[in-house]
Every structure is written in structure tokens, then in C-alpha cells.
Amino acid sequence: MKIETPKELLEAKVLCGKEIDKCVYFIQRTFAIRLPKLIPIFDIQDSVGGYVRTNEKLIHLNPTLLQANPDEYFNTVIPHEVCHLAASQCWPKCASHGKHWALLMSGFGLPPTPCHRMDVRTVPNRLGQTKNPNYKSVNSKIKTIKFGKIIDLD
């Protein structure tokens, strides 16, 4: 699937809602976990693929990553986030990417990886900046900021 026009992006957003409903239904049928109907919101503006808060009925998604990687988004990001909600519903004190979440991910036939592997070099961060793949540091030494000062790490 390719998303190149605003109309195609809108159609993909509608498909996200349908995919979320499928994932919720799968969790309910396979694991007997009751979940609320989730409403997708496309408001993430950095390299995060998505997130769901357990006290909301919202799933926050990244429209830039959806547009660049629709297949991976439908196949991994959405089930990943639905599994977070299901794990927190069943096991309220479970770890975010712990064994219960991993069990639910395996139900989808997906590896329990905590992070997506989509290319984020062209995704703007919260400040509107992108990571330029051609950028090379002028300094050969590694530097870090510690207590507000730039220090060399040798």
C-alpha cells in the first residue's frame, strides 16, 4: 500500500480505525479480555509510533509514520498498542513491555519487540526538526552535556 495524496492518507486513517476494531475483537475472542472501543487520534509528531493510555479510550497514532509505512503500521504498531491496553486491563500492575504484554503480542504472531523499526530520519520532532541522514559531526571526539556543560568523553 502506498500513501501519496491527502485523500489516500484519509482513507488510511479510516482503515486504522477498522484495524483497531479487528485487533480489539481478536483480543476479546482469543483471550476473553473485554476492551472498550478505541478511537484513533493522529496527534503524535515525533518518532513514536503510537501509545494508548489505560484511562482513556483513545489510541494516539503518528500520521507521518503511517503515511511512510502503512503496512508495518497496520501489522505491528496497532496490535502493539492494543496489546498494551489489554495487558493493563487484565493485569493492572504489569510492566509496559513485560511478559503479559509479550503473551498478547505472541497471540497476534508478532515478536514482542518494544520499539518499531521504521525509518524516522525524515519525521519532524516536536520542534519541527528532522534528522538529516547526511549529517556528519565536525568533531571527532564524542561530547555530551552534563549539568549544563559540554564535556568530552575520551
Protein backbone atom coordinates (compact mmCIF):
# COMPACT_ATOMS: atom_id res chain seq x y z
CA MET A 1 0.00 0.00 0.00
CA LYS A 2 1.27 3.46 -0.92
CA ILE A 3 0.00 6.71 0.54
CA GLU A 4 0.86 9.71 -1.60
CA THR A 5 -2.15 12.04 -1.55
CA PRO A 6 -4.20 13.62 1.25
CA LYS A 7 -7.19 11.52 0.15
CA GLU A 8 -5.15 8.31 0.47
CA LEU A 9 -3.97 9.41 3.93
CA LEU A 10 -7.58 10.00 4.98
CA GLU A 11 -8.52 6.55 3.70
CA ALA A 12 -5.59 5.05 5.63
CA LYS A 13 -6.79 6.77 8.80
CA VAL A 14 -10.22 5.19 8.32
CA LEU A 15 -8.52 1.83 7.79
CA CYS A 16 -6.64 2.37 11.07
CA GLY A 17 -9.96 2.58 12.88
CA LYS A 18 -11.10 -0.66 11.26
CA GLU A 19 -7.78 -2.37 12.06
CA ILE A 20 -8.05 -1.25 15.70
CA ASP A 21 -11.55 -2.76 15.86
CA LYS A 22 -10.22 -6.04 14.39
CA CYS A 23 -7.42 -6.17 16.97
CA VAL A 24 -9.82 -5.46 19.83
CA TYR A 25 -12.15 -8.19 18.57
CA PHE A 26 -9.25 -10.64 18.26
CA ILE A 27 -8.12 -9.95 21.86
CA GLN A 28 -11.68 -10.32 23.14
CA ARG A 29 -12.28 -13.57 21.26
CA THR A 30 -8.88 -15.17 21.83
CA PHE A 31 -8.10 -14.10 25.39
CA ALA A 32 -11.59 -13.25 26.73
CA ILE A 33 -10.45 -9.74 27.70
CA ARG A 34 -13.11 -7.05 27.46
CA LEU A 35 -11.83 -3.84 25.90
CA PRO A 36 -13.56 -0.54 25.17
CA LYS A 37 -13.99 0.75 21.64
CA LEU A 38 -10.83 2.72 20.89
CA ILE A 39 -10.89 5.99 18.99
CA PRO A 40 -7.78 6.75 16.90
CA ILE A 41 -6.26 10.20 17.19
CA PHE A 42 -3.44 11.17 14.85
CA ASP A 43 -1.57 13.64 17.03
CA ILE A 44 1.97 12.28 17.53
CA GLN A 45 4.64 14.49 15.96
CA ASP A 46 7.92 12.70 16.64
CA SER A 47 9.41 9.22 16.19
CA VAL A 48 6.94 7.44 18.48
CA GLY A 49 4.71 5.04 16.56
CA GLY A 50 1.78 5.18 18.93
CA TYR A 51 0.60 4.98 22.51
CA VAL A 52 -2.53 4.25 24.45
CA ARG A 53 -3.33 5.46 27.94
CA THR A 54 -5.20 2.96 30.03
CA ASN A 55 -7.61 5.54 31.45
CA GLU A 56 -8.61 6.84 28.00
CA LYS A 57 -10.49 5.24 25.18
CA LEU A 58 -8.06 6.82 22.74
CA ILE A 59 -5.19 5.38 20.76
CA HIS A 60 -2.68 8.06 19.75
CA LEU A 61 -1.01 7.44 16.38
CA ASN A 62 1.64 9.08 14.22
CA PRO A 63 0.30 10.21 10.81
CA THR A 64 3.79 10.74 9.37
CA LEU A 65 4.87 7.18 10.12
CA LEU A 66 1.51 5.85 8.94
CA GLN A 67 1.97 7.63 5.62
CA ALA A 68 5.55 6.38 5.17
CA ASN A 69 4.98 2.79 6.42
CA PRO A 70 1.29 1.84 6.18
CA ASP A 71 1.79 -1.94 6.07
CA GLU A 72 4.06 -2.03 9.11
CA TYR A 73 1.73 0.36 10.88
CA PHE A 74 -1.32 -1.85 10.35
CA ASN A 75 0.54 -5.10 11.04
CA THR A 76 2.64 -4.16 14.07
CA VAL A 77 2.01 -0.73 15.61
CA ILE A 78 -1.74 -1.05 16.04
CA PRO A 79 -1.66 -4.58 17.53
CA HIS A 80 1.24 -3.46 19.75
CA GLU A 81 -0.83 -0.63 21.23
CA VAL A 82 -3.99 -2.71 21.61
CA CYS A 83 -1.90 -5.31 23.49
CA HIS A 84 -0.80 -2.57 25.91
CA LEU A 85 -4.42 -1.74 26.69
CA ALA A 86 -5.40 -5.41 27.04
CA ALA A 87 -2.46 -6.18 29.33
CA SER A 88 -3.27 -3.23 31.58
CA GLN A 89 -6.96 -4.23 31.71
CA CYS A 90 -6.15 -7.79 32.81
CA TRP A 91 -3.01 -7.20 34.83
CA PRO A 92 -3.13 -3.59 36.12
CA LYS A 93 0.35 -3.69 37.65
CA CYS A 94 2.11 -5.44 34.76
CA ALA A 95 5.23 -3.99 33.16
CA SER A 96 4.71 -1.99 29.98
CA HIS A 97 6.64 -4.47 27.80
CA GLY A 98 6.54 -7.34 30.28
CA LYS A 99 5.58 -11.00 29.99
CA HIS A 100 1.83 -10.38 29.89
CA TRP A 101 2.11 -7.90 27.05
CA ALA A 102 4.51 -10.30 25.28
CA LEU A 103 1.96 -13.12 25.63
CA LEU A 104 -0.69 -10.99 23.93
CA MET A 105 1.73 -10.00 21.16
CA SER A 106 2.51 -13.66 20.51
CA GLY A 107 -1.24 -14.23 20.09
CA PHE A 108 -1.02 -11.98 17.03
CA GLY A 109 2.01 -13.96 15.83
CA LEU A 110 4.24 -10.93 16.40
CA PRO A 111 7.59 -10.75 18.16
CA PRO A 112 7.34 -8.84 21.45
CA THR A 113 9.66 -6.01 20.45
CA PRO A 114 9.18 -2.79 22.43
CA CYS A 115 10.15 -0.41 19.60
CA HIS A 116 9.28 -0.14 15.94
CA ARG A 117 11.97 -0.30 13.26
CA MET A 118 10.62 2.34 10.91
CA ASP A 119 12.98 4.94 9.45
CA VAL A 120 12.45 8.15 11.43
CA ARG A 121 15.11 10.33 9.80
CA THR A 122 12.51 12.34 7.91
CA VAL A 123 9.99 12.56 10.75
CA PRO A 124 9.94 16.01 12.34
CA ASN A 125 10.39 16.14 16.10
CA ARG A 126 8.36 18.38 18.39
CA LEU A 127 10.47 21.35 17.31
CA GLY A 128 9.86 20.64 13.61
CA GLN A 129 13.44 19.47 13.01
CA THR A 130 14.36 16.30 11.12
CA LYS A 131 17.37 14.05 11.47
CA ASN A 132 19.48 14.61 8.38
CA PRO A 133 20.95 11.26 7.24
CA ASN A 134 23.86 13.04 5.53
CA TYR A 135 24.96 14.94 8.66
CA LYS A 136 28.43 14.13 9.92
CA SER A 137 29.90 15.58 13.05
CA VAL A 138 32.70 18.10 12.61
CA ASN A 139 34.33 16.94 15.83
CA SER A 140 35.88 13.52 16.06
CA LYS A 141 35.50 13.42 19.85
CA ILE A 142 32.26 12.31 21.44
CA LYS A 143 30.70 15.04 23.51
CA THR A 144 27.86 15.06 25.98
CA ILE A 145 26.08 17.59 28.12
CA LYS A 146 26.34 17.12 31.85
CA PHE A 147 24.98 19.61 34.34
CA GLY A 148 24.56 22.19 31.59
CA LYS A 149 28.20 21.96 30.39
CA ILE A 150 29.55 20.27 27.26
CA ILE A 151 32.20 17.72 28.18
CA ASP A 152 34.43 15.43 26.11
CA LEU A 153 34.24 11.68 26.55
CA ASP A 154 37.59 10.11 25.65
